[in-house]
Amino acid sequence: MLEFQKKSIRLIEALENQGYQYSLHSYVSGLSELAVRVYKPDCPDRCIRITFQTTRYIKMPSDWAHGDFCLATPEQHKKLITELGLSESQARQMLLFTAQPPKKPEILVLCMKVFVSEETLIG
């Protein structure tokens, strides 16, 4: 795994249990790029954007709270890869992120790359 990927995963894991809310920001189908906005309710002008690139599978609501992303277990990864019929070489390239917000279904994002950036919205 490339160093920038490891750094992005560490940044995503650092968001855990910090009271963030999440919302689907955009999806560009031709690029298979999914962006999720992460923010605290008391400071909505400052946010973190998680961008999943080359997404192969997405299952998520449009918004949720307290359902932080983490890397899936190897068993979860293998199960989804098998269900999708992807090859071993494709599976090695893919990252599976999961989240389990209260009162919402499990969230799954299967992608090749993930990036994290901080943003300030200017009114």
N, C-alpha and C. Protein backbone atom coordinates (compact mmCIF):
# COMPACT_ATOMS: atom_id res chain seq x y z
N MET A 1 0.85 -1.18 0.00
CA MET A 1 0.00 0.00 0.00
C MET A 1 0.89 1.24 0.00
N LEU A 2 0.54 2.20 -0.82
CA LEU A 2 1.32 3.43 -0.93
C LEU A 2 1.21 4.28 0.33
N GLU A 3 2.24 5.07 0.60
CA GLU A 3 2.29 5.87 1.83
C GLU A 3 1.13 6.87 1.92
N PHE A 4 0.74 7.51 0.80
CA PHE A 4 -0.37 8.47 0.88
C PHE A 4 -1.68 7.78 1.26
N GLN A 5 -1.81 6.51 0.84
CA GLN A 5 -3.00 5.75 1.20
C GLN A 5 -3.01 5.46 2.71
N LYS A 6 -1.86 5.07 3.23
CA LYS A 6 -1.74 4.81 4.67
C LYS A 6 -2.07 6.06 5.47
N LYS A 7 -1.57 7.20 5.01
CA LYS A 7 -1.83 8.46 5.70
C LYS A 7 -3.32 8.79 5.68
N SER A 8 -3.97 8.63 4.54
CA SER A 8 -5.41 8.90 4.44
C SER A 8 -6.20 7.99 5.36
N ILE A 9 -5.81 6.73 5.43
CA ILE A 9 -6.51 5.79 6.30
C ILE A 9 -6.33 6.20 7.77
N ARG A 10 -5.13 6.61 8.14
CA ARG A 10 -4.91 7.08 9.52
C ARG A 10 -5.76 8.30 9.83
N LEU A 11 -5.88 9.22 8.88
CA LEU A 11 -6.71 10.42 9.09
C LEU A 11 -8.18 10.04 9.25
N ILE A 12 -8.66 9.10 8.46
CA ILE A 12 -10.04 8.64 8.58
C ILE A 12 -10.26 7.99 9.94
N GLU A 13 -9.33 7.15 10.36
CA GLU A 13 -9.46 6.48 11.66
C GLU A 13 -9.41 7.48 12.82
N ALA A 14 -8.71 8.60 12.65
CA ALA A 14 -8.62 9.62 13.71
C ALA A 14 -9.95 10.34 13.92
N LEU A 15 -10.87 10.25 12.97
CA LEU A 15 -12.18 10.89 13.10
C LEU A 15 -13.11 10.11 14.03
N GLU A 16 -12.74 8.88 14.33
CA GLU A 16 -13.62 7.99 15.09
C GLU A 16 -13.97 8.55 16.47
N ASN A 17 -15.25 8.47 16.80
CA ASN A 17 -15.79 8.88 18.10
C ASN A 17 -15.54 10.35 18.43
N GLN A 18 -15.48 11.20 17.42
CA GLN A 18 -15.27 12.63 17.62
C GLN A 18 -16.55 13.44 17.41
N GLY A 19 -17.68 12.78 17.19
CA GLY A 19 -18.96 13.48 17.04
C GLY A 19 -19.21 14.09 15.68
N TYR A 20 -18.59 13.55 14.65
CA TYR A 20 -18.76 14.09 13.31
C TYR A 20 -20.07 13.61 12.68
N GLN A 21 -20.58 14.44 11.77
CA GLN A 21 -21.70 14.06 10.93
C GLN A 21 -21.16 13.92 9.50
N TYR A 22 -21.84 13.10 8.72
CA TYR A 22 -21.39 12.78 7.37
C TYR A 22 -22.52 13.03 6.39
N SER A 23 -22.16 13.53 5.21
CA SER A 23 -23.17 13.67 4.16
C SER A 23 -22.52 13.41 2.80
N LEU A 24 -23.31 12.81 1.94
CA LEU A 24 -22.86 12.57 0.57
C LEU A 24 -22.71 13.93 -0.10
N HIS A 25 -21.52 14.25 -0.54
CA HIS A 25 -21.27 15.55 -1.17
C HIS A 25 -21.44 15.47 -2.68
N SER A 26 -20.82 14.48 -3.30
CA SER A 26 -20.95 14.35 -4.75
C SER A 26 -20.53 12.95 -5.20
N TYR A 27 -21.03 12.61 -6.37
CA TYR A 27 -20.62 11.37 -7.03
C TYR A 27 -20.50 11.66 -8.51
N VAL A 28 -19.34 11.38 -9.07
CA VAL A 28 -19.09 11.56 -10.50
C VAL A 28 -18.99 10.17 -11.11
N SER A 29 -20.05 9.76 -11.81
CA SER A 29 -20.12 8.37 -12.28
C SER A 29 -19.03 8.04 -13.30
N GLY A 30 -18.73 8.93 -14.20
CA GLY A 30 -17.72 8.65 -15.22
C GLY A 30 -16.34 8.41 -14.62
N LEU A 31 -16.07 9.06 -13.49
CA LEU A 31 -14.79 8.88 -12.81
C LEU A 31 -14.90 7.89 -11.65
N SER A 32 -16.12 7.48 -11.34
CA SER A 32 -16.38 6.63 -10.17
C SER A 32 -15.79 7.25 -8.91
N GLU A 33 -16.02 8.55 -8.78
CA GLU A 33 -15.47 9.29 -7.64
C GLU A 33 -16.58 9.72 -6.70
N LEU A 34 -16.45 9.35 -5.44
CA LEU A 34 -17.43 9.64 -4.41
C LEU A 34 -16.78 10.55 -3.37
N ALA A 35 -17.45 11.67 -3.05
CA ALA A 35 -16.95 12.59 -2.03
C ALA A 35 -17.96 12.66 -0.89
N VAL A 36 -17.45 12.52 0.32
CA VAL A 36 -18.27 12.59 1.53
C VAL A 36 -17.78 13.77 2.36
N ARG A 37 -18.73 14.60 2.79
CA ARG A 37 -18.42 15.76 3.63
C ARG A 37 -18.55 15.34 5.09
N VAL A 38 -17.55 15.67 5.89
CA VAL A 38 -17.50 15.32 7.31
C VAL A 38 -17.39 16.61 8.10
N TYR A 39 -18.30 16.83 9.04
CA TYR A 39 -18.30 18.10 9.77
C TYR A 39 -18.91 17.91 11.15
N LYS A 40 -18.63 18.89 12.01
CA LYS A 40 -19.25 18.91 13.34
C LYS A 40 -20.43 19.87 13.27
N PRO A 41 -21.56 19.53 13.88
CA PRO A 41 -22.76 20.36 13.78
C PRO A 41 -22.55 21.80 14.28
N ASP A 42 -21.67 21.99 15.24
CA ASP A 42 -21.45 23.33 15.78
C ASP A 42 -20.49 24.17 14.93
N CYS A 43 -19.92 23.58 13.89
CA CYS A 43 -18.98 24.30 13.03
C CYS A 43 -19.12 23.80 11.58
N PRO A 44 -20.29 24.02 10.96
CA PRO A 44 -20.52 23.45 9.63
C PRO A 44 -19.69 24.09 8.50
N ASP A 45 -19.07 25.25 8.75
CA ASP A 45 -18.26 25.89 7.71
C ASP A 45 -16.88 25.27 7.55
N ARG A 46 -16.46 24.52 8.54
CA ARG A 46 -15.18 23.81 8.46
C ARG A 46 -15.50 22.33 8.29
N CYS A 47 -14.92 21.74 7.30
CA CYS A 47 -15.23 20.34 7.06
C CYS A 47 -14.01 19.58 6.56
N ILE A 48 -14.16 18.30 6.58
CA ILE A 48 -13.18 17.38 6.02
C ILE A 48 -13.88 16.68 4.87
N ARG A 49 -13.16 16.51 3.79
CA ARG A 49 -13.73 15.80 2.64
C ARG A 49 -12.96 14.50 2.45
N ILE A 50 -13.71 13.42 2.41
CA ILE A 50 -13.13 12.12 2.10
C ILE A 50 -13.53 11.81 0.66
N THR A 51 -12.54 11.61 -0.17
CA THR A 51 -12.80 11.33 -1.58
C THR A 51 -12.35 9.90 -1.88
N PHE A 52 -13.29 9.09 -2.29
CA PHE A 52 -13.03 7.71 -2.68
C PHE A 52 -12.95 7.69 -4.20
N GLN A 53 -11.84 7.20 -4.72
CA GLN A 53 -11.67 7.17 -6.18
C GLN A 53 -11.71 5.73 -6.70
N THR A 54 -12.18 5.64 -7.94
CA THR A 54 -12.38 4.36 -8.62
C THR A 54 -13.21 3.45 -7.72
N THR A 55 -14.38 3.95 -7.36
CA THR A 55 -15.29 3.17 -6.52
C THR A 55 -15.94 2.08 -7.37
N ARG A 56 -15.98 0.88 -6.80
CA ARG A 56 -16.60 -0.25 -7.50
C ARG A 56 -17.93 -0.64 -6.87
N TYR A 57 -18.14 -0.22 -5.60
CA TYR A 57 -19.39 -0.57 -4.92
C TYR A 57 -19.64 0.49 -3.84
N ILE A 58 -20.89 0.95 -3.77
CA ILE A 58 -21.29 1.94 -2.76
C ILE A 58 -22.64 1.53 -2.21
N LYS A 59 -22.74 1.52 -0.90
CA LYS A 59 -24.02 1.33 -0.23
C LYS A 59 -24.04 2.31 0.94
N MET A 60 -24.82 3.39 0.79
CA MET A 60 -24.85 4.40 1.86
C MET A 60 -26.08 5.28 1.75
N PRO A 61 -26.53 5.83 2.90
CA PRO A 61 -27.59 6.83 2.87
C PRO A 61 -26.99 8.18 2.47
N SER A 62 -27.81 9.18 2.30
CA SER A 62 -27.30 10.49 1.89
C SER A 62 -26.67 11.25 3.05
N ASP A 63 -27.05 10.93 4.28
CA ASP A 63 -26.41 11.57 5.44
C ASP A 63 -26.58 10.70 6.68
N TRP A 64 -25.69 10.89 7.65
CA TRP A 64 -25.75 10.12 8.89
C TRP A 64 -24.84 10.78 9.92
N ALA A 65 -25.02 10.39 11.18
CA ALA A 65 -24.20 10.90 12.28
C ALA A 65 -23.63 9.72 13.05
N HIS A 66 -22.45 9.93 13.57
CA HIS A 66 -21.81 8.97 14.48
C HIS A 66 -21.64 7.59 13.88
N GLY A 67 -21.36 7.53 12.62
CA GLY A 67 -21.06 6.26 11.94
C GLY A 67 -19.75 6.44 11.21
N ASP A 68 -18.67 6.33 11.95
CA ASP A 68 -17.35 6.63 11.42
C ASP A 68 -16.83 5.51 10.52
N PHE A 69 -16.09 5.89 9.48
CA PHE A 69 -15.51 4.92 8.56
C PHE A 69 -14.33 4.22 9.20
N CYS A 70 -14.16 2.96 8.83
CA CYS A 70 -12.96 2.21 9.17
C CYS A 70 -12.73 1.18 8.07
N LEU A 71 -11.52 0.66 8.00
CA LEU A 71 -11.25 -0.40 7.03
C LEU A 71 -11.99 -1.65 7.45
N ALA A 72 -12.53 -2.34 6.49
CA ALA A 72 -13.25 -3.58 6.76
C ALA A 72 -12.28 -4.67 7.20
N THR A 73 -12.83 -5.66 7.85
CA THR A 73 -12.02 -6.82 8.20
C THR A 73 -11.70 -7.60 6.92
N PRO A 74 -10.66 -8.43 6.96
CA PRO A 74 -10.37 -9.26 5.77
C PRO A 74 -11.56 -10.14 5.37
N GLU A 75 -12.33 -10.59 6.35
CA GLU A 75 -13.50 -11.43 6.06
C GLU A 75 -14.57 -10.63 5.32
N GLN A 76 -14.85 -9.40 5.77
CA GLN A 76 -15.83 -8.55 5.09
C GLN A 76 -15.37 -8.25 3.67
N HIS A 77 -14.09 -7.94 3.50
CA HIS A 77 -13.51 -7.64 2.20
C HIS A 77 -13.69 -8.83 1.27
N LYS A 78 -13.31 -10.02 1.73
CA LYS A 78 -13.39 -11.22 0.90
C LYS A 78 -14.84 -11.52 0.52
N LYS A 79 -15.76 -11.37 1.47
CA LYS A 79 -17.17 -11.64 1.20
C LYS A 79 -17.71 -10.75 0.07
N LEU A 80 -17.45 -9.44 0.14
CA LEU A 80 -17.95 -8.53 -0.89
C LEU A 80 -17.26 -8.79 -2.23
N ILE A 81 -15.97 -9.01 -2.21
CA ILE A 81 -15.24 -9.30 -3.45
C ILE A 81 -15.83 -10.54 -4.13
N THR A 82 -16.13 -11.55 -3.33
CA THR A 82 -16.72 -12.79 -3.87
C THR A 82 -18.11 -12.51 -4.44
N GLU A 83 -18.93 -11.76 -3.70
CA GLU A 83 -20.28 -11.44 -4.17
C GLU A 83 -20.25 -10.67 -5.49
N LEU A 84 -19.24 -9.82 -5.65
CA LEU A 84 -19.13 -9.01 -6.87
C LEU A 84 -18.44 -9.76 -8.01
N GLY A 85 -17.85 -10.91 -7.70
CA GLY A 85 -17.18 -11.71 -8.73
C GLY A 85 -15.88 -11.11 -9.21
N LEU A 86 -15.19 -10.37 -8.36
CA LEU A 86 -13.92 -9.76 -8.74
C LEU A 86 -12.79 -10.78 -8.61
N SER A 87 -11.77 -10.61 -9.41
CA SER A 87 -10.63 -11.53 -9.40
C SER A 87 -9.71 -11.23 -8.21
N GLU A 88 -8.78 -12.16 -7.97
CA GLU A 88 -7.79 -11.98 -6.89
C GLU A 88 -6.95 -10.73 -7.12
N SER A 89 -6.54 -10.50 -8.37
CA SER A 89 -5.71 -9.32 -8.66
C SER A 89 -6.51 -8.03 -8.43
N GLN A 90 -7.80 -8.04 -8.80
CA GLN A 90 -8.63 -6.86 -8.52
C GLN A 90 -8.81 -6.68 -7.02
N ALA A 91 -9.01 -7.76 -6.30
CA ALA A 91 -9.23 -7.70 -4.86
C ALA A 91 -8.04 -7.08 -4.15
N ARG A 92 -6.83 -7.39 -4.58
CA ARG A 92 -5.63 -6.84 -3.93
C ARG A 92 -5.53 -5.33 -4.10
N GLN A 93 -6.14 -4.79 -5.12
CA GLN A 93 -6.09 -3.35 -5.38
C GLN A 93 -7.17 -2.56 -4.65
N MET A 94 -8.18 -3.25 -4.13
CA MET A 94 -9.36 -2.58 -3.60
C MET A 94 -9.30 -2.42 -2.07
N LEU A 95 -9.80 -1.28 -1.61
CA LEU A 95 -9.98 -1.00 -0.19
C LEU A 95 -11.47 -1.01 0.11
N LEU A 96 -11.87 -1.65 1.18
CA LEU A 96 -13.27 -1.65 1.59
C LEU A 96 -13.39 -0.91 2.91
N PHE A 97 -14.18 0.16 2.89
CA PHE A 97 -14.46 0.93 4.10
C PHE A 97 -15.89 0.64 4.54
N THR A 98 -16.07 0.55 5.85
CA THR A 98 -17.38 0.31 6.41
C THR A 98 -17.68 1.37 7.46
N ALA A 99 -18.95 1.54 7.74
CA ALA A 99 -19.40 2.40 8.84
C ALA A 99 -20.74 1.85 9.30
N GLN A 100 -21.02 1.99 10.59
CA GLN A 100 -22.28 1.50 11.12
C GLN A 100 -22.93 2.58 11.98
N PRO A 101 -23.61 3.52 11.33
CA PRO A 101 -24.30 4.56 12.10
C PRO A 101 -25.50 3.99 12.84
N PRO A 102 -25.84 4.58 13.99
CA PRO A 102 -27.03 4.10 14.70
C PRO A 102 -28.29 4.32 13.86
N LYS A 103 -29.17 3.36 13.88
CA LYS A 103 -30.48 3.44 13.22
C LYS A 103 -30.40 3.59 11.70
N LYS A 104 -29.28 3.21 11.10
CA LYS A 104 -29.13 3.24 9.64
C LYS A 104 -28.47 1.93 9.23
N PRO A 105 -28.64 1.53 7.97
CA PRO A 105 -27.98 0.30 7.52
C PRO A 105 -26.46 0.48 7.45
N GLU A 106 -25.76 -0.64 7.44
CA GLU A 106 -24.31 -0.60 7.32
C GLU A 106 -23.91 0.10 6.02
N ILE A 107 -22.85 0.86 6.09
CA ILE A 107 -22.32 1.60 4.94
C ILE A 107 -21.10 0.84 4.41
N LEU A 108 -21.04 0.69 3.09
CA LEU A 108 -19.91 0.03 2.44
C LEU A 108 -19.43 0.88 1.27
N VAL A 109 -18.12 1.06 1.17
CA VAL A 109 -17.53 1.74 0.01
C VAL A 109 -16.30 0.94 -0.40
N LEU A 110 -16.33 0.40 -1.60
CA LEU A 110 -15.21 -0.36 -2.15
C LEU A 110 -14.55 0.51 -3.21
N CYS A 111 -13.28 0.82 -3.02
CA CYS A 111 -12.59 1.74 -3.93
C CYS A 111 -11.13 1.34 -4.09
N MET A 112 -10.45 2.03 -5.02
CA MET A 112 -9.03 1.78 -5.22
C MET A 112 -8.17 2.78 -4.46
N LYS A 113 -8.66 4.02 -4.28
CA LYS A 113 -7.87 5.05 -3.61
C LYS A 113 -8.78 5.89 -2.72
N VAL A 114 -8.19 6.48 -1.69
CA VAL A 114 -8.93 7.39 -0.83
C VAL A 114 -8.03 8.56 -0.48
N PHE A 115 -8.62 9.75 -0.47
CA PHE A 115 -7.91 10.98 -0.13
C PHE A 115 -8.71 11.73 0.92
N VAL A 116 -8.00 12.43 1.80
CA VAL A 116 -8.65 13.23 2.83
C VAL A 116 -8.13 14.65 2.74
N SER A 117 -9.04 15.63 2.79
CA SER A 117 -8.63 17.04 2.76
C SER A 117 -9.48 17.84 3.72
N GLU A 118 -8.92 18.92 4.26
CA GLU A 118 -9.66 19.83 5.13
C GLU A 118 -10.09 21.03 4.31
N GLU A 119 -11.30 21.53 4.58
CA GLU A 119 -11.81 22.66 3.80
C GLU A 119 -12.53 23.63 4.71
N THR A 120 -12.52 24.87 4.31
CA THR A 120 -13.32 25.91 4.97
C THR A 120 -14.24 26.49 3.91
N LEU A 121 -15.53 26.50 4.20
CA LEU A 121 -16.51 27.03 3.27
C LEU A 121 -16.57 28.55 3.42
N ILE A 122 -16.51 29.24 2.31
CA ILE A 122 -16.56 30.70 2.32
C ILE A 122 -17.94 31.11 1.81
N GLY A 123 -18.68 31.83 2.65
CA GLY A 123 -20.05 32.18 2.36
C GLY A 123 -20.21 33.15 1.29
